[in-house]
């Protein structure tokens, strides 16, 4: 019974590791793309970028999550 519990626990941790790695890669990509779009808006001098501040906030929030996940993956 103990061995089955250990196997289940190891499988859960492996699944969690895969999930975190997948999320980390996608969040990193989303952050990069959001910041590229925001940078293009500013370069063109379009005042619309002022109204896209939520996009910047989202990109920065994703960047924070990205940093936390990178720290988590380094400490494992």
N, C-alpha and C. Protein backbone atom coordinates (compact mmCIF):
# COMPACT_ATOMS: atom_id res chain seq x y z
N UNK A 1 0.83 -1.20 0.00
CA UNK A 1 0.00 0.00 0.00
C UNK A 1 0.87 1.26 0.00
N UNK A 2 1.92 1.23 0.79
CA UNK A 2 2.83 2.38 0.86
C UNK A 2 3.50 2.63 -0.50
N UNK A 3 3.89 1.54 -1.16
CA UNK A 3 4.55 1.65 -2.47
C UNK A 3 3.60 2.27 -3.51
N UNK A 4 2.34 1.86 -3.47
CA UNK A 4 1.35 2.41 -4.39
C UNK A 4 1.17 3.90 -4.15
N UNK A 5 1.16 4.29 -2.87
CA UNK A 5 1.02 5.70 -2.52
C UNK A 5 2.23 6.50 -3.03
N UNK A 6 3.43 5.94 -2.88
CA UNK A 6 4.64 6.62 -3.35
C UNK A 6 4.63 6.77 -4.87
N UNK A 7 4.20 5.72 -5.57
CA UNK A 7 4.12 5.77 -7.03
C UNK A 7 3.12 6.83 -7.49
N UNK A 8 1.98 6.88 -6.81
CA UNK A 8 0.96 7.88 -7.16
C UNK A 8 1.49 9.29 -6.89
N UNK A 9 2.20 9.44 -5.78
CA UNK A 9 2.76 10.74 -5.43
C UNK A 9 3.81 11.17 -6.46
N UNK A 10 4.67 10.23 -6.87
CA UNK A 10 5.69 10.54 -7.87
C UNK A 10 5.05 10.89 -9.21
N UNK A 11 4.01 10.16 -9.60
CA UNK A 11 3.32 10.45 -10.85
C UNK A 11 2.69 11.83 -10.81
N UNK A 12 2.12 12.18 -9.65
CA UNK A 12 1.51 13.49 -9.49
C UNK A 12 2.56 14.59 -9.64
N UNK A 13 3.72 14.39 -9.01
CA UNK A 13 4.78 15.40 -9.11
C UNK A 13 5.33 15.50 -10.53
N UNK A 14 5.43 14.39 -11.23
CA UNK A 14 5.87 14.42 -12.62
C UNK A 14 4.85 15.17 -13.49
N UNK A 15 3.57 14.89 -13.26
CA UNK A 15 2.51 15.57 -14.00
C UNK A 15 2.56 17.07 -13.72
N UNK A 16 2.73 17.43 -12.45
CA UNK A 16 2.80 18.83 -12.07
C UNK A 16 4.00 19.51 -12.72
N UNK A 17 5.12 18.81 -12.76
CA UNK A 17 6.32 19.35 -13.41
C UNK A 17 6.08 19.62 -14.88
N UNK A 18 5.46 18.68 -15.57
CA UNK A 18 5.16 18.84 -17.00
C UNK A 18 4.21 20.02 -17.21
N UNK A 19 3.19 20.11 -16.36
CA UNK A 19 2.21 21.19 -16.46
C UNK A 19 2.87 22.55 -16.25
N UNK A 20 3.72 22.66 -15.24
CA UNK A 20 4.40 23.92 -14.95
C UNK A 20 5.34 24.30 -16.09
N UNK A 21 6.06 23.32 -16.62
CA UNK A 21 6.98 23.58 -17.73
C UNK A 21 6.21 24.09 -18.95
N UNK A 22 5.08 23.44 -19.26
CA UNK A 22 4.26 23.84 -20.40
C UNK A 22 3.71 25.26 -20.20
N UNK A 23 3.19 25.53 -19.01
CA UNK A 23 2.65 26.86 -18.71
C UNK A 23 3.75 27.92 -18.78
N UNK A 24 4.92 27.58 -18.26
CA UNK A 24 6.04 28.52 -18.26
C UNK A 24 6.42 28.92 -19.69
N UNK A 25 6.50 27.94 -20.58
CA UNK A 25 6.86 28.23 -21.97
C UNK A 25 5.81 29.10 -22.64
N UNK A 26 4.53 28.80 -22.41
CA UNK A 26 3.46 29.57 -23.04
C UNK A 26 3.35 30.97 -22.47
N UNK A 27 3.51 31.12 -21.16
CA UNK A 27 3.43 32.44 -20.55
C UNK A 27 4.58 33.31 -21.05
N UNK A 28 5.74 32.73 -21.17
CA UNK A 28 6.89 33.46 -21.68
C UNK A 28 6.62 33.96 -23.10
N UNK A 29 6.05 33.11 -23.93
CA UNK A 29 5.72 33.48 -25.31
C UNK A 29 4.66 34.57 -25.34
N UNK A 30 3.61 34.44 -24.53
CA UNK A 30 2.54 35.45 -24.49
C UNK A 30 3.07 36.80 -24.04
N UNK A 31 3.93 36.79 -23.03
CA UNK A 31 4.50 38.04 -22.52
C UNK A 31 5.31 38.73 -23.61
N UNK A 32 6.14 37.96 -24.28
CA UNK A 32 6.97 38.52 -25.34
C UNK A 32 6.12 39.13 -26.44
N UNK A 33 5.09 38.41 -26.87
CA UNK A 33 4.23 38.91 -27.95
C UNK A 33 3.47 40.16 -27.52
N UNK A 34 2.95 40.17 -26.29
CA UNK A 34 2.20 41.34 -25.82
C UNK A 34 3.10 42.57 -25.76
N UNK A 35 4.33 42.40 -25.29
CA UNK A 35 5.24 43.54 -25.22
C UNK A 35 5.67 44.01 -26.61
N UNK A 36 5.80 43.08 -27.56
CA UNK A 36 6.13 43.47 -28.94
C UNK A 36 5.01 44.32 -29.53
N UNK A 37 3.77 43.89 -29.33
CA UNK A 37 2.63 44.64 -29.86
C UNK A 37 2.57 46.03 -29.23
N UNK A 38 2.78 46.09 -27.93
CA UNK A 38 2.74 47.38 -27.23
C UNK A 38 3.86 48.29 -27.73
N UNK A 39 5.05 47.72 -27.94
CA UNK A 39 6.18 48.49 -28.45
C UNK A 39 5.90 49.05 -29.84
N UNK A 40 5.26 48.25 -30.70
CA UNK A 40 4.92 48.72 -32.04
C UNK A 40 3.92 49.87 -31.98
N UNK A 41 2.97 49.80 -31.07
CA UNK A 41 1.99 50.89 -30.93
C UNK A 41 2.68 52.18 -30.53
N UNK A 42 3.64 52.09 -29.60
CA UNK A 42 4.34 53.29 -29.15
C UNK A 42 5.22 53.84 -30.28
N UNK A 43 5.90 52.97 -31.02
CA UNK A 43 6.78 53.41 -32.11
C UNK A 43 6.01 54.17 -33.18
N UNK A 44 4.80 53.74 -33.47
CA UNK A 44 4.00 54.38 -34.52
C UNK A 44 3.42 55.71 -34.04
N UNK A 45 3.57 56.00 -32.75
CA UNK A 45 3.05 57.25 -32.23
C UNK A 45 1.54 57.28 -32.16
N UNK A 46 0.94 56.12 -32.11
CA UNK A 46 -0.51 56.03 -32.08
C UNK A 46 -1.00 56.25 -30.64
N UNK A 47 -1.92 57.19 -30.47
CA UNK A 47 -2.44 57.46 -29.13
C UNK A 47 -3.32 56.33 -28.62
N UNK A 48 -3.61 55.39 -29.49
CA UNK A 48 -4.41 54.24 -29.07
C UNK A 48 -3.68 53.44 -27.98
N UNK A 49 -2.34 53.57 -27.95
CA UNK A 49 -1.59 52.80 -26.96
C UNK A 49 -2.00 53.19 -25.54
N UNK A 50 -2.46 54.44 -25.37
CA UNK A 50 -2.92 54.87 -24.04
C UNK A 50 -4.09 54.02 -23.57
N UNK A 51 -4.95 53.65 -24.52
CA UNK A 51 -6.12 52.85 -24.17
C UNK A 51 -5.80 51.37 -24.05
N UNK A 52 -4.60 51.01 -24.44
CA UNK A 52 -4.22 49.60 -24.34
C UNK A 52 -3.38 49.33 -23.09
N UNK A 53 -3.49 50.21 -22.10
CA UNK A 53 -2.77 49.98 -20.85
C UNK A 53 -3.13 48.64 -20.19
N UNK A 54 -4.38 48.17 -20.31
CA UNK A 54 -4.66 46.83 -19.77
C UNK A 54 -3.80 45.75 -20.41
N UNK A 55 -3.46 45.90 -21.69
CA UNK A 55 -2.58 44.95 -22.36
C UNK A 55 -1.19 44.97 -21.71
N UNK A 56 -0.71 46.18 -21.42
CA UNK A 56 0.59 46.30 -20.76
C UNK A 56 0.53 45.69 -19.35
N UNK A 57 -0.56 45.96 -18.64
CA UNK A 57 -0.71 45.40 -17.30
C UNK A 57 -0.73 43.87 -17.35
N UNK A 58 -1.42 43.33 -18.35
CA UNK A 58 -1.45 41.87 -18.51
C UNK A 58 -0.06 41.33 -18.81
N UNK A 59 0.65 42.01 -19.69
CA UNK A 59 2.00 41.56 -20.04
C UNK A 59 2.92 41.58 -18.82
N UNK A 60 2.81 42.63 -18.01
CA UNK A 60 3.65 42.71 -16.82
C UNK A 60 3.26 41.66 -15.78
N UNK A 61 1.95 41.39 -15.67
CA UNK A 61 1.50 40.34 -14.74
C UNK A 61 2.00 38.98 -15.20
N UNK A 62 1.93 38.73 -16.50
CA UNK A 62 2.44 37.46 -17.03
C UNK A 62 3.95 37.36 -16.84
N UNK A 63 4.63 38.50 -16.95
CA UNK A 63 6.07 38.51 -16.73
C UNK A 63 6.39 38.16 -15.28
N UNK A 64 5.58 38.64 -14.35
CA UNK A 64 5.77 38.31 -12.94
C UNK A 64 5.56 36.82 -12.70
N UNK A 65 4.50 36.28 -13.27
CA UNK A 65 4.24 34.84 -13.14
C UNK A 65 5.37 34.05 -13.78
N UNK A 66 5.87 34.54 -14.90
CA UNK A 66 6.99 33.91 -15.59
C UNK A 66 8.21 33.85 -14.67
N UNK A 67 8.50 34.95 -13.99
CA UNK A 67 9.64 34.99 -13.08
C UNK A 67 9.46 34.03 -11.90
N UNK A 68 8.25 33.98 -11.37
CA UNK A 68 7.97 33.08 -10.25
C UNK A 68 8.16 31.63 -10.68
N UNK A 69 7.66 31.30 -11.86
CA UNK A 69 7.80 29.92 -12.34
C UNK A 69 9.26 29.58 -12.63
N UNK A 70 10.01 30.54 -13.13
CA UNK A 70 11.44 30.30 -13.37
C UNK A 70 12.15 30.05 -12.05
N UNK A 71 11.80 30.83 -11.03
CA UNK A 71 12.40 30.63 -9.70
C UNK A 71 12.02 29.26 -9.15
N UNK A 72 10.75 28.89 -9.33
CA UNK A 72 10.29 27.59 -8.84
C UNK A 72 11.03 26.45 -9.53
N UNK A 73 11.21 26.57 -10.84
CA UNK A 73 11.88 25.49 -11.57
C UNK A 73 13.36 25.41 -11.22
N UNK A 74 13.97 26.53 -10.83
CA UNK A 74 15.38 26.51 -10.44
C UNK A 74 15.58 25.91 -9.05
N UNK A 75 14.59 26.04 -8.20
CA UNK A 75 14.74 25.55 -6.82
C UNK A 75 14.44 24.07 -6.70
N UNK A 76 13.90 23.47 -7.75
CA UNK A 76 13.59 22.02 -7.68
C UNK A 76 14.82 21.19 -7.86
